[in-house]
Amino acid sequence: MNGHNGRTGEGGVDIMICKKLCGPREAVMAVFDFQPPTPLGKPVWHPTDTTAKLSGDPQHASAIPGFHGQQNLQNGLGSRAPVPTQSVRVLFAEDSPEQQMLIKYYMNAFPCMVEFANDGLEVLDKCQRYAFPFIFMDMRMPKMDGLTATQAIRRMESDQNRLPARIIALTGMCRDSDLKAIRQAGCDGILSKPYTKLQFMRKIKEILHIP
């Protein structure tokens, strides 16, 4: 359990990520692109990185069915809001102060204007006032979880005839049932926790298409 906010499931993620600033150990990170369901109804997801390490032991993503490379992620996001050439305004829905601190530190490397929302209701309030082209959504937040907030944003976009944002789920839960629920809620992909600074920067650059 996370002593900071009482969450379970991902409670140890905050501490693990903070420790990454103090040592060279690599962490698992993958970006998944959701594709239409197969005839059997099971979603197909593809990571952009086929190899990961945790505590020095290699873990090969090829051992997990459905992993095929990064082009699908770029294609899947291509139909969403275009990326402007000037500073990009990005919303991170993340209730952990430690996570916010790290994300802000990491995002200094990119020409982005970063905003944070501490819970799902604050996400909706910010999205009512501004159509963010990119939203990184923590799946576990107080007041309203990330799945519910994503569904509400998709309804808002439809009702207001907005160009859909690219919504990336931030989560440490990567079971098939979790991935299916995230895809069905309207997310374009997943940024898996925990991650190192280098991995975060590389994957954010790929997602935002920033040179």
N, C-alpha and C. Protein backbone atom coordinates (compact mmCIF):
# COMPACT_ATOMS: atom_id res chain seq x y z
N MET A 1 0.85 -1.21 0.00
CA MET A 1 0.00 0.00 0.00
C MET A 1 0.87 1.24 0.00
N ASN A 2 0.47 2.25 -0.73
CA ASN A 2 1.20 3.51 -0.79
C ASN A 2 0.82 4.34 0.42
N GLY A 3 1.77 4.61 1.28
CA GLY A 3 1.47 5.37 2.48
C GLY A 3 1.08 6.80 2.19
N HIS A 4 1.36 7.27 0.99
CA HIS A 4 1.06 8.66 0.66
C HIS A 4 -0.41 8.86 0.36
N ASN A 5 -1.02 7.92 -0.36
CA ASN A 5 -2.41 8.12 -0.74
C ASN A 5 -3.27 6.89 -0.51
N GLY A 6 -2.71 5.83 0.04
CA GLY A 6 -3.52 4.68 0.38
C GLY A 6 -3.85 3.78 -0.76
N ARG A 7 -3.28 3.98 -1.93
CA ARG A 7 -3.59 3.13 -3.07
C ARG A 7 -2.88 1.80 -2.93
N THR A 8 -3.47 0.79 -3.53
CA THR A 8 -2.84 -0.51 -3.58
C THR A 8 -2.62 -0.89 -5.02
N GLY A 9 -1.96 -2.01 -5.26
CA GLY A 9 -1.72 -2.47 -6.62
C GLY A 9 -0.48 -1.84 -7.20
N GLU A 10 -0.44 -0.51 -7.31
CA GLU A 10 0.71 0.20 -7.83
C GLU A 10 1.43 0.94 -6.72
N GLY A 11 1.20 0.55 -5.46
CA GLY A 11 1.70 1.32 -4.33
C GLY A 11 3.20 1.48 -4.29
N GLY A 12 3.94 0.49 -4.81
CA GLY A 12 5.38 0.58 -4.73
C GLY A 12 6.03 1.30 -5.87
N VAL A 13 5.23 1.73 -6.84
CA VAL A 13 5.80 2.32 -8.05
C VAL A 13 6.49 3.64 -7.75
N ASP A 14 5.87 4.49 -6.90
CA ASP A 14 6.45 5.81 -6.61
C ASP A 14 7.87 5.65 -6.05
N ILE A 15 8.01 4.76 -5.07
CA ILE A 15 9.32 4.56 -4.45
C ILE A 15 10.32 4.01 -5.43
N MET A 16 9.87 3.05 -6.26
CA MET A 16 10.78 2.43 -7.23
C MET A 16 11.31 3.45 -8.22
N ILE A 17 10.42 4.35 -8.68
CA ILE A 17 10.86 5.34 -9.66
C ILE A 17 11.82 6.34 -9.02
N CYS A 18 11.52 6.76 -7.79
CA CYS A 18 12.43 7.69 -7.11
C CYS A 18 13.81 7.08 -6.96
N LYS A 19 13.88 5.78 -6.70
CA LYS A 19 15.17 5.13 -6.54
C LYS A 19 15.97 5.13 -7.83
N LYS A 20 15.29 5.24 -8.98
CA LYS A 20 16.00 5.18 -10.25
C LYS A 20 16.92 6.38 -10.44
N LEU A 21 16.61 7.48 -9.74
CA LEU A 21 17.46 8.66 -9.87
C LEU A 21 18.80 8.46 -9.15
N CYS A 22 18.85 7.46 -8.28
CA CYS A 22 20.05 7.27 -7.46
C CYS A 22 20.89 6.09 -7.91
N GLY A 23 20.51 5.39 -8.96
CA GLY A 23 21.27 4.22 -9.36
C GLY A 23 21.05 3.90 -10.81
N PRO A 24 21.90 3.05 -11.39
CA PRO A 24 21.87 2.75 -12.82
C PRO A 24 20.96 1.59 -13.19
N ARG A 25 20.29 0.97 -12.22
CA ARG A 25 19.52 -0.23 -12.53
C ARG A 25 18.38 0.10 -13.48
N GLU A 26 18.18 -0.75 -14.44
CA GLU A 26 17.17 -0.53 -15.45
C GLU A 26 15.82 -1.05 -14.97
N ALA A 27 14.76 -0.43 -15.46
CA ALA A 27 13.41 -0.84 -15.09
C ALA A 27 12.64 -1.21 -16.34
N VAL A 28 11.54 -1.86 -16.14
CA VAL A 28 10.71 -2.28 -17.27
C VAL A 28 9.88 -1.12 -17.75
N MET A 29 9.85 -0.88 -19.04
CA MET A 29 9.02 0.16 -19.62
C MET A 29 8.65 -0.25 -21.02
N ALA A 30 7.40 -0.13 -21.36
CA ALA A 30 6.96 -0.45 -22.72
C ALA A 30 5.79 0.42 -23.08
N VAL A 31 5.66 0.75 -24.34
CA VAL A 31 4.53 1.52 -24.83
C VAL A 31 3.72 0.60 -25.72
N PHE A 32 2.46 0.48 -25.42
CA PHE A 32 1.61 -0.43 -26.16
C PHE A 32 0.68 0.34 -27.08
N ASP A 33 0.46 -0.21 -28.25
CA ASP A 33 -0.48 0.37 -29.21
C ASP A 33 -1.63 -0.59 -29.36
N PHE A 34 -2.84 -0.12 -29.09
CA PHE A 34 -3.99 -0.99 -29.20
C PHE A 34 -4.46 -1.07 -30.64
N GLN A 35 -4.71 -2.26 -31.11
CA GLN A 35 -5.25 -2.52 -32.43
C GLN A 35 -6.66 -3.06 -32.27
N PRO A 36 -7.46 -3.08 -33.34
CA PRO A 36 -8.82 -3.61 -33.25
C PRO A 36 -8.81 -5.05 -32.73
N PRO A 37 -9.89 -5.47 -32.07
CA PRO A 37 -9.96 -6.82 -31.53
C PRO A 37 -9.84 -7.87 -32.63
N THR A 38 -9.31 -9.01 -32.28
CA THR A 38 -9.25 -10.13 -33.21
C THR A 38 -10.64 -10.73 -33.35
N PRO A 39 -10.85 -11.65 -34.29
CA PRO A 39 -12.17 -12.28 -34.41
C PRO A 39 -12.64 -12.92 -33.12
N LEU A 40 -11.72 -13.28 -32.23
CA LEU A 40 -12.11 -13.88 -30.96
C LEU A 40 -12.42 -12.84 -29.91
N GLY A 41 -12.25 -11.56 -30.27
CA GLY A 41 -12.56 -10.49 -29.34
C GLY A 41 -11.43 -10.09 -28.43
N LYS A 42 -10.25 -10.68 -28.58
CA LYS A 42 -9.12 -10.35 -27.72
C LYS A 42 -8.31 -9.23 -28.35
N PRO A 43 -8.02 -8.13 -27.60
CA PRO A 43 -7.26 -7.02 -28.17
C PRO A 43 -5.84 -7.44 -28.49
N VAL A 44 -5.29 -6.82 -29.51
CA VAL A 44 -3.90 -7.06 -29.89
C VAL A 44 -3.11 -5.83 -29.51
N TRP A 45 -2.00 -5.98 -28.84
CA TRP A 45 -1.20 -4.84 -28.41
C TRP A 45 0.24 -5.06 -28.75
N HIS A 46 0.93 -3.96 -29.08
CA HIS A 46 2.29 -4.03 -29.58
C HIS A 46 3.18 -3.06 -28.81
N PRO A 47 4.32 -3.49 -28.31
CA PRO A 47 5.22 -2.56 -27.66
C PRO A 47 6.18 -1.96 -28.67
N THR A 48 6.74 -0.80 -28.33
CA THR A 48 7.74 -0.21 -29.20
C THR A 48 9.14 -0.67 -28.82
N ASP A 49 9.27 -1.32 -27.69
CA ASP A 49 10.57 -1.80 -27.25
C ASP A 49 10.45 -3.29 -26.97
N THR A 50 11.21 -4.12 -27.69
CA THR A 50 11.04 -5.55 -27.57
C THR A 50 11.94 -6.18 -26.52
N THR A 51 12.74 -5.39 -25.85
CA THR A 51 13.61 -5.93 -24.81
C THR A 51 13.58 -5.00 -23.60
N ALA A 52 13.53 -5.58 -22.40
CA ALA A 52 13.54 -4.78 -21.18
C ALA A 52 14.35 -5.51 -20.14
N LYS A 53 14.80 -4.76 -19.12
CA LYS A 53 15.57 -5.38 -18.05
C LYS A 53 15.05 -4.91 -16.71
N LEU A 54 15.08 -5.79 -15.75
CA LEU A 54 14.72 -5.46 -14.38
C LEU A 54 15.72 -6.15 -13.47
N SER A 55 16.37 -5.35 -12.63
CA SER A 55 17.39 -5.88 -11.71
C SER A 55 18.49 -6.64 -12.44
N GLY A 56 18.79 -6.24 -13.68
CA GLY A 56 19.88 -6.83 -14.41
C GLY A 56 19.55 -8.10 -15.15
N ASP A 57 18.34 -8.63 -14.99
CA ASP A 57 17.98 -9.86 -15.68
C ASP A 57 17.19 -9.53 -16.93
N PRO A 58 17.62 -9.98 -18.12
CA PRO A 58 16.89 -9.67 -19.35
C PRO A 58 15.53 -10.33 -19.36
N GLN A 59 14.54 -9.57 -19.85
CA GLN A 59 13.20 -10.10 -20.02
C GLN A 59 12.81 -9.83 -21.46
N HIS A 60 12.59 -10.87 -22.23
CA HIS A 60 12.35 -10.70 -23.65
C HIS A 60 10.86 -10.59 -23.92
N ALA A 61 10.47 -9.44 -24.48
CA ALA A 61 9.06 -9.23 -24.77
C ALA A 61 8.55 -10.19 -25.82
N SER A 62 9.46 -10.75 -26.63
CA SER A 62 9.04 -11.68 -27.66
C SER A 62 8.40 -12.92 -27.08
N ALA A 63 8.63 -13.16 -25.78
CA ALA A 63 8.03 -14.32 -25.14
C ALA A 63 6.55 -14.11 -24.86
N ILE A 64 6.08 -12.88 -25.00
CA ILE A 64 4.68 -12.57 -24.75
C ILE A 64 3.96 -12.46 -26.09
N PRO A 65 2.90 -13.21 -26.31
CA PRO A 65 2.19 -13.18 -27.59
C PRO A 65 1.69 -11.79 -27.94
N GLY A 66 1.81 -11.40 -29.21
CA GLY A 66 1.25 -10.14 -29.68
C GLY A 66 2.24 -9.01 -29.77
N PHE A 67 3.52 -9.22 -29.46
CA PHE A 67 4.52 -8.17 -29.53
C PHE A 67 5.15 -8.14 -30.91
N HIS A 68 5.09 -6.99 -31.59
CA HIS A 68 5.53 -6.95 -32.98
C HIS A 68 6.34 -5.73 -33.39
N GLY A 69 6.63 -4.75 -32.57
CA GLY A 69 7.43 -3.62 -33.03
C GLY A 69 6.71 -2.30 -32.92
N GLN A 70 7.38 -1.20 -33.37
CA GLN A 70 6.92 0.14 -33.05
C GLN A 70 6.12 0.82 -34.14
N GLN A 71 6.11 0.34 -35.37
CA GLN A 71 5.43 1.06 -36.42
C GLN A 71 3.93 1.15 -36.16
N ASN A 72 3.36 0.12 -35.53
CA ASN A 72 1.94 0.12 -35.26
C ASN A 72 1.55 1.25 -34.32
N LEU A 73 2.41 1.59 -33.36
CA LEU A 73 2.11 2.69 -32.46
C LEU A 73 2.01 3.99 -33.23
N GLN A 74 2.96 4.23 -34.14
CA GLN A 74 2.94 5.47 -34.90
C GLN A 74 1.71 5.52 -35.80
N ASN A 75 1.36 4.40 -36.41
CA ASN A 75 0.18 4.37 -37.26
C ASN A 75 -1.08 4.57 -36.46
N GLY A 76 -1.14 3.94 -35.28
CA GLY A 76 -2.33 4.03 -34.47
C GLY A 76 -2.57 5.43 -33.96
N LEU A 77 -1.51 6.19 -33.68
CA LEU A 77 -1.66 7.55 -33.19
C LEU A 77 -1.80 8.55 -34.32
N GLY A 78 -1.56 8.13 -35.54
CA GLY A 78 -1.55 9.07 -36.65
C GLY A 78 -2.89 9.70 -36.94
N SER A 79 -3.99 9.05 -36.54
CA SER A 79 -5.31 9.59 -36.84
C SER A 79 -5.79 10.54 -35.76
N ARG A 80 -5.00 10.76 -34.73
CA ARG A 80 -5.38 11.65 -33.65
C ARG A 80 -4.95 13.09 -33.96
N ALA A 81 -5.04 13.95 -32.93
CA ALA A 81 -4.73 15.36 -33.10
C ALA A 81 -3.31 15.55 -33.62
N PRO A 82 -3.11 16.43 -34.63
CA PRO A 82 -1.77 16.64 -35.17
C PRO A 82 -0.87 17.33 -34.16
N VAL A 83 0.42 17.10 -34.28
CA VAL A 83 1.39 17.72 -33.38
C VAL A 83 1.83 19.06 -33.94
N PRO A 84 1.60 20.18 -33.23
CA PRO A 84 2.04 21.48 -33.72
C PRO A 84 3.55 21.61 -33.65
N THR A 85 4.10 22.52 -34.45
CA THR A 85 5.55 22.71 -34.46
C THR A 85 6.02 23.54 -33.27
N GLN A 86 5.15 24.38 -32.69
CA GLN A 86 5.53 25.15 -31.52
C GLN A 86 5.39 24.28 -30.27
N SER A 87 5.54 24.89 -29.10
CA SER A 87 5.46 24.15 -27.85
C SER A 87 4.14 23.41 -27.74
N VAL A 88 4.22 22.15 -27.35
CA VAL A 88 3.05 21.30 -27.21
C VAL A 88 2.56 21.38 -25.77
N ARG A 89 1.26 21.52 -25.60
CA ARG A 89 0.66 21.57 -24.27
C ARG A 89 0.22 20.16 -23.89
N VAL A 90 0.80 19.62 -22.83
CA VAL A 90 0.57 18.23 -22.44
C VAL A 90 0.01 18.18 -21.03
N LEU A 91 -1.05 17.39 -20.85
CA LEU A 91 -1.65 17.22 -19.53
C LEU A 91 -1.28 15.85 -18.97
N PHE A 92 -0.73 15.85 -17.76
CA PHE A 92 -0.44 14.61 -17.05
C PHE A 92 -1.43 14.49 -15.90
N ALA A 93 -2.27 13.47 -15.96
CA ALA A 93 -3.20 13.18 -14.87
C ALA A 93 -2.50 12.23 -13.91
N GLU A 94 -1.98 12.77 -12.84
CA GLU A 94 -1.14 12.00 -11.90
C GLU A 94 -1.29 12.59 -10.51
N ASP A 95 -1.75 11.79 -9.55
CA ASP A 95 -2.03 12.32 -8.21
C ASP A 95 -0.85 12.22 -7.25
N SER A 96 0.21 11.56 -7.65
CA SER A 96 1.37 11.40 -6.77
C SER A 96 2.33 12.58 -6.92
N PRO A 97 2.61 13.33 -5.85
CA PRO A 97 3.56 14.45 -5.93
C PRO A 97 4.95 13.99 -6.37
N GLU A 98 5.36 12.80 -5.93
CA GLU A 98 6.67 12.28 -6.33
C GLU A 98 6.72 12.03 -7.84
N GLN A 99 5.66 11.44 -8.36
CA GLN A 99 5.59 11.19 -9.80
C GLN A 99 5.57 12.50 -10.58
N GLN A 100 4.81 13.47 -10.09
CA GLN A 100 4.74 14.77 -10.76
C GLN A 100 6.12 15.42 -10.81
N MET A 101 6.86 15.34 -9.72
CA MET A 101 8.20 15.92 -9.67
C MET A 101 9.11 15.29 -10.71
N LEU A 102 9.07 13.97 -10.82
CA LEU A 102 9.91 13.27 -11.78
C LEU A 102 9.50 13.57 -13.21
N ILE A 103 8.19 13.57 -13.47
CA ILE A 103 7.71 13.85 -14.82
C ILE A 103 8.11 15.25 -15.26
N LYS A 104 7.94 16.23 -14.37
CA LYS A 104 8.32 17.60 -14.70
C LYS A 104 9.81 17.69 -14.99
N TYR A 105 10.60 17.00 -14.20
CA TYR A 105 12.06 16.98 -14.41
C TYR A 105 12.40 16.35 -15.75
N TYR A 106 11.78 15.23 -16.06
CA TYR A 106 12.05 14.55 -17.32
C TYR A 106 11.60 15.38 -18.52
N MET A 107 10.45 16.04 -18.41
CA MET A 107 9.87 16.77 -19.54
C MET A 107 10.59 18.07 -19.84
N ASN A 108 11.53 18.49 -18.98
CA ASN A 108 12.32 19.68 -19.27
C ASN A 108 13.13 19.52 -20.55
N ALA A 109 13.33 18.29 -20.98
CA ALA A 109 14.11 18.03 -22.19
C ALA A 109 13.30 18.26 -23.46
N PHE A 110 12.00 18.49 -23.34
CA PHE A 110 11.14 18.62 -24.51
C PHE A 110 10.50 20.00 -24.58
N PRO A 111 10.21 20.50 -25.80
CA PRO A 111 9.56 21.81 -25.95
C PRO A 111 8.07 21.72 -25.66
N CYS A 112 7.74 21.37 -24.43
CA CYS A 112 6.34 21.16 -24.05
C CYS A 112 5.95 22.05 -22.87
N MET A 113 4.69 22.43 -22.84
CA MET A 113 4.10 23.10 -21.69
C MET A 113 3.37 22.02 -20.90
N VAL A 114 3.87 21.69 -19.72
CA VAL A 114 3.34 20.58 -18.94
C VAL A 114 2.38 21.08 -17.87
N GLU A 115 1.21 20.45 -17.80
CA GLU A 115 0.25 20.72 -16.74
C GLU A 115 -0.09 19.42 -16.03
N PHE A 116 -0.51 19.54 -14.77
CA PHE A 116 -0.85 18.36 -13.99
C PHE A 116 -2.28 18.47 -13.46
N ALA A 117 -2.92 17.32 -13.35
CA ALA A 117 -4.22 17.20 -12.69
C ALA A 117 -4.06 16.15 -11.60
N ASN A 118 -4.59 16.44 -10.41
CA ASN A 118 -4.39 15.57 -9.26
C ASN A 118 -5.44 14.47 -9.11
N ASP A 119 -6.52 14.58 -9.86
CA ASP A 119 -7.55 13.55 -9.82
C ASP A 119 -8.38 13.62 -11.09
N GLY A 120 -9.27 12.65 -11.27
CA GLY A 120 -10.04 12.58 -12.49
C GLY A 120 -10.96 13.77 -12.72
N LEU A 121 -11.53 14.30 -11.65
CA LEU A 121 -12.42 15.45 -11.79
C LEU A 121 -11.65 16.69 -12.25
N GLU A 122 -10.43 16.85 -11.75
CA GLU A 122 -9.60 17.97 -12.19
C GLU A 122 -9.21 17.81 -13.65
N VAL A 123 -9.02 16.57 -14.08
CA VAL A 123 -8.74 16.31 -15.50
C VAL A 123 -9.88 16.84 -16.36
N LEU A 124 -11.10 16.50 -16.00
CA LEU A 124 -12.26 16.93 -16.79
C LEU A 124 -12.41 18.44 -16.78
N ASP A 125 -12.15 19.07 -15.62
CA ASP A 125 -12.24 20.52 -15.53
C ASP A 125 -11.24 21.19 -16.46
N LYS A 126 -10.01 20.69 -16.49
CA LYS A 126 -8.99 21.26 -17.36
C LYS A 126 -9.33 21.02 -18.84
N CYS A 127 -9.86 19.85 -19.13
CA CYS A 127 -10.20 19.53 -20.52
C CYS A 127 -11.41 20.31 -21.01
N GLN A 128 -12.27 20.74 -20.11
CA GLN A 128 -13.39 21.61 -20.49
C GLN A 128 -12.88 22.96 -20.94
N ARG A 129 -11.80 23.43 -20.31
CA ARG A 129 -11.27 24.77 -20.60
C ARG A 129 -10.25 24.79 -21.72
N TYR A 130 -9.65 23.62 -22.02
CA TYR A 130 -8.63 23.58 -23.08
C TYR A 130 -8.59 22.18 -23.68
N ALA A 131 -8.52 22.13 -25.00
CA ALA A 131 -8.45 20.85 -25.71
C ALA A 131 -6.99 20.41 -25.82
N PHE A 132 -6.51 19.68 -24.83
CA PHE A 132 -5.13 19.20 -24.86
C PHE A 132 -4.94 18.19 -25.98
N PRO A 133 -3.90 18.34 -26.80
CA PRO A 133 -3.65 17.35 -27.85
C PRO A 133 -3.11 16.05 -27.30
N PHE A 134 -2.47 16.11 -26.10
CA PHE A 134 -1.90 14.91 -25.50
C PHE A 134 -2.27 14.86 -24.02
N ILE A 135 -2.73 13.69 -23.59
CA ILE A 135 -3.07 13.48 -22.18
C ILE A 135 -2.45 12.16 -21.73
N PHE A 136 -1.68 12.21 -20.65
CA PHE A 136 -1.12 11.00 -20.06
C PHE A 136 -1.90 10.74 -18.78
N MET A 137 -2.66 9.65 -18.78
CA MET A 137 -3.68 9.42 -17.76
C MET A 137 -3.30 8.30 -16.79
N ASP A 138 -3.10 8.68 -15.53
CA ASP A 138 -2.90 7.66 -14.50
C ASP A 138 -4.22 6.91 -14.34
N MET A 139 -4.15 5.59 -14.29
CA MET A 139 -5.36 4.81 -14.21
C MET A 139 -5.96 4.75 -12.81
N ARG A 140 -5.16 5.05 -11.79
CA ARG A 140 -5.66 5.01 -10.41
C ARG A 140 -5.49 6.37 -9.76
N MET A 141 -6.61 7.08 -9.64
CA MET A 141 -6.61 8.40 -9.03
C MET A 141 -7.81 8.53 -8.11
N PRO A 142 -7.75 9.45 -7.14
CA PRO A 142 -8.91 9.68 -6.27
C PRO A 142 -10.03 10.41 -7.00
N LYS A 143 -11.22 10.33 -6.44
CA LYS A 143 -12.43 11.02 -6.92
C LYS A 143 -12.96 10.44 -8.22
N MET A 144 -12.10 10.22 -9.20
CA MET A 144 -12.50 9.59 -10.46
C MET A 144 -11.27 8.91 -11.05
N ASP A 145 -11.40 7.62 -11.39
CA ASP A 145 -10.24 6.89 -11.91
C ASP A 145 -9.98 7.24 -13.37
N GLY A 146 -8.85 6.79 -13.87
CA GLY A 146 -8.45 7.13 -15.23
C GLY A 146 -9.34 6.58 -16.31
N LEU A 147 -9.88 5.39 -16.10
CA LEU A 147 -10.79 4.80 -17.09
C LEU A 147 -12.04 5.66 -17.24
N THR A 148 -12.64 6.03 -16.11
CA THR A 148 -13.86 6.85 -16.14
C THR A 148 -13.58 8.22 -16.74
N ALA A 149 -12.45 8.82 -16.38
CA ALA A 149 -12.09 10.13 -16.92
C ALA A 149 -11.87 10.06 -18.43
N THR A 150 -11.24 9.00 -18.90
CA THR A 150 -11.01 8.84 -20.34
C THR A 150 -12.33 8.72 -21.08
N GLN A 151 -13.25 7.93 -20.56
CA GLN A 151 -14.56 7.78 -21.19
C GLN A 151 -15.29 9.12 -21.24
N ALA A 152 -15.19 9.91 -20.17
CA ALA A 152 -15.84 11.21 -20.13
C ALA A 152 -15.23 12.17 -21.15
N ILE A 153 -13.92 12.11 -21.31
CA ILE A 153 -13.24 12.96 -22.30
C ILE A 153 -13.69 12.60 -23.71
N ARG A 154 -13.80 11.32 -24.00
CA ARG A 154 -14.25 10.89 -25.33
C ARG A 154 -15.68 11.35 -25.60
N ARG A 155 -16.54 11.32 -24.59
CA ARG A 155 -17.91 11.83 -24.77
C ARG A 155 -17.89 13.34 -24.99
N MET A 156 -17.05 14.04 -24.25
CA MET A 156 -16.92 15.48 -24.39
C MET A 156 -16.46 15.85 -25.80
N GLU A 157 -15.48 15.13 -26.31
CA GLU A 157 -14.97 15.38 -27.65
C GLU A 157 -16.06 15.17 -28.69
N SER A 158 -16.84 14.12 -28.51
CA SER A 158 -17.92 13.83 -29.46
C SER A 158 -19.01 14.90 -29.40
N ASP A 159 -19.41 15.28 -28.18
CA ASP A 159 -20.47 16.27 -28.01
C ASP A 159 -20.06 17.64 -28.54
N GLN A 160 -18.79 18.00 -28.38
CA GLN A 160 -18.30 19.32 -28.79
C GLN A 160 -17.61 19.30 -30.14
N ASN A 161 -17.65 18.16 -30.81
CA ASN A 161 -17.04 18.01 -32.14
C ASN A 161 -15.56 18.39 -32.12
N ARG A 162 -14.86 17.94 -31.09
CA ARG A 162 -13.43 18.20 -30.97
C ARG A 162 -12.62 17.13 -31.68
N LEU A 163 -11.42 17.51 -32.11
CA LEU A 163 -10.48 16.53 -32.61
C LEU A 163 -9.99 15.70 -31.42
N PRO A 164 -10.04 14.38 -31.50
CA PRO A 164 -9.68 13.54 -30.35
C PRO A 164 -8.23 13.73 -29.91
N ALA A 165 -8.04 13.81 -28.62
CA ALA A 165 -6.70 13.86 -28.05
C ALA A 165 -6.07 12.48 -28.11
N ARG A 166 -4.76 12.43 -28.02
CA ARG A 166 -4.05 11.16 -27.86
C ARG A 166 -3.92 10.90 -26.37
N ILE A 167 -4.59 9.90 -25.89
CA ILE A 167 -4.60 9.59 -24.46
C ILE A 167 -3.78 8.34 -24.22
N ILE A 168 -2.75 8.48 -23.40
CA ILE A 168 -1.86 7.38 -23.06
C ILE A 168 -2.05 7.04 -21.59
N ALA A 169 -2.37 5.80 -21.30
CA ALA A 169 -2.58 5.35 -19.93
C ALA A 169 -1.24 5.16 -19.22
N LEU A 170 -1.14 5.66 -17.99
CA LEU A 170 0.03 5.45 -17.14
C LEU A 170 -0.35 4.42 -16.09
N THR A 171 0.25 3.25 -16.14
CA THR A 171 -0.16 2.20 -15.23
C THR A 171 0.92 1.13 -15.09
N GLY A 172 0.90 0.46 -13.96
CA GLY A 172 1.76 -0.68 -13.75
C GLY A 172 1.00 -1.98 -13.90
N MET A 173 -0.28 -1.90 -14.21
CA MET A 173 -1.13 -3.07 -14.37
C MET A 173 -1.22 -3.42 -15.85
N CYS A 174 -0.66 -4.55 -16.24
CA CYS A 174 -0.61 -4.91 -17.66
C CYS A 174 -1.16 -6.31 -17.94
N ARG A 175 -2.12 -6.76 -17.14
CA ARG A 175 -2.79 -8.02 -17.43
C ARG A 175 -3.69 -7.85 -18.65
N ASP A 176 -4.04 -8.94 -19.28
CA ASP A 176 -4.90 -8.87 -20.47
C ASP A 176 -6.20 -8.14 -20.17
N SER A 177 -6.79 -8.41 -19.01
CA SER A 177 -8.05 -7.77 -18.65
C SER A 177 -7.87 -6.26 -18.46
N ASP A 178 -6.73 -5.85 -17.91
CA ASP A 178 -6.45 -4.42 -17.74
C ASP A 178 -6.29 -3.74 -19.09
N LEU A 179 -5.53 -4.38 -19.99
CA LEU A 179 -5.30 -3.81 -21.31
C LEU A 179 -6.59 -3.68 -22.09
N LYS A 180 -7.46 -4.67 -21.97
CA LYS A 180 -8.74 -4.63 -22.67
C LYS A 180 -9.60 -3.49 -22.15
N ALA A 181 -9.66 -3.32 -20.82
CA ALA A 181 -10.45 -2.24 -20.23
C ALA A 181 -9.92 -0.87 -20.62
N ILE A 182 -8.60 -0.73 -20.65
CA ILE A 182 -7.99 0.54 -21.03
C ILE A 182 -8.28 0.87 -22.48
N ARG A 183 -8.18 -0.12 -23.35
CA ARG A 183 -8.48 0.11 -24.77
C ARG A 183 -9.94 0.48 -24.96
N GLN A 184 -10.83 -0.25 -24.31
CA GLN A 184 -12.26 0.00 -24.47
C GLN A 184 -12.67 1.36 -23.92
N ALA A 185 -11.94 1.87 -22.94
CA ALA A 185 -12.24 3.19 -22.39
C ALA A 185 -11.92 4.31 -23.37
N GLY A 186 -11.03 4.03 -24.34
CA GLY A 186 -10.69 5.03 -25.34
C GLY A 186 -9.24 5.47 -25.34
N CYS A 187 -8.38 4.78 -24.58
CA CYS A 187 -6.96 5.13 -24.58
C CYS A 187 -6.30 4.65 -25.87
N ASP A 188 -5.30 5.41 -26.31
CA ASP A 188 -4.56 5.06 -27.52
C ASP A 188 -3.39 4.13 -27.24
N GLY A 189 -2.95 4.05 -26.00
CA GLY A 189 -1.82 3.20 -25.68
C GLY A 189 -1.50 3.26 -24.20
N ILE A 190 -0.41 2.61 -23.82
CA ILE A 190 -0.01 2.52 -22.41
C ILE A 190 1.46 2.87 -22.26
N LEU A 191 1.78 3.66 -21.25
CA LEU A 191 3.16 3.87 -20.82
C LEU A 191 3.28 3.14 -19.50
N SER A 192 4.03 2.05 -19.52
CA SER A 192 4.08 1.14 -18.38
C SER A 192 5.08 1.61 -17.32
N LYS A 193 4.70 1.50 -16.06
CA LYS A 193 5.55 1.84 -14.93
C LYS A 193 6.20 0.57 -14.40
N PRO A 194 7.40 0.72 -13.77
CA PRO A 194 8.23 1.92 -13.62
C PRO A 194 9.16 2.11 -14.81
N TYR A 195 9.78 3.28 -14.90
CA TYR A 195 10.65 3.57 -16.03
C TYR A 195 11.83 4.42 -15.57
N THR A 196 12.92 4.36 -16.31
CA THR A 196 14.08 5.21 -16.04
C THR A 196 13.92 6.53 -16.80
N LYS A 197 14.75 7.49 -16.47
CA LYS A 197 14.70 8.78 -17.16
C LYS A 197 14.95 8.60 -18.65
N LEU A 198 15.97 7.84 -19.02
CA LEU A 198 16.31 7.65 -20.42
C LEU A 198 15.17 6.98 -21.18
N GLN A 199 14.57 5.97 -20.58
CA GLN A 199 13.45 5.28 -21.23
C GLN A 199 12.25 6.20 -21.39
N PHE A 200 11.96 6.98 -20.36
CA PHE A 200 10.83 7.91 -20.43
C PHE A 200 11.03 8.92 -21.55
N MET A 201 12.21 9.51 -21.60
CA MET A 201 12.49 10.52 -22.62
C MET A 201 12.40 9.95 -24.03
N ARG A 202 12.94 8.76 -24.22
CA ARG A 202 12.92 8.14 -25.54
C ARG A 202 11.49 7.83 -25.99
N LYS A 203 10.69 7.31 -25.09
CA LYS A 203 9.34 6.93 -25.46
C LYS A 203 8.42 8.13 -25.62
N ILE A 204 8.58 9.14 -24.77
CA ILE A 204 7.77 10.36 -24.93
C ILE A 204 8.09 11.01 -26.27
N LYS A 205 9.35 11.02 -26.64
CA LYS A 205 9.76 11.59 -27.93
C LYS A 205 9.10 10.84 -29.08
N GLU A 206 9.03 9.54 -28.99
CA GLU A 206 8.38 8.75 -30.04
C GLU A 206 6.88 9.06 -30.11
N ILE A 207 6.24 9.14 -28.95
CA ILE A 207 4.80 9.38 -28.91
C ILE A 207 4.45 10.76 -29.44
N LEU A 208 5.22 11.78 -29.03
CA LEU A 208 4.94 13.16 -29.44
C LEU A 208 5.50 13.49 -30.81
N HIS A 209 6.33 12.59 -31.38
CA HIS A 209 6.97 12.84 -32.67
C HIS A 209 7.79 14.13 -32.65
N ILE A 210 8.52 14.34 -31.57
CA ILE A 210 9.36 15.52 -31.43
C ILE A 210 10.76 15.19 -31.92
N PRO A 211 11.32 15.95 -32.88
CA PRO A 211 12.66 15.65 -33.40
C PRO A 211 13.75 15.91 -32.36
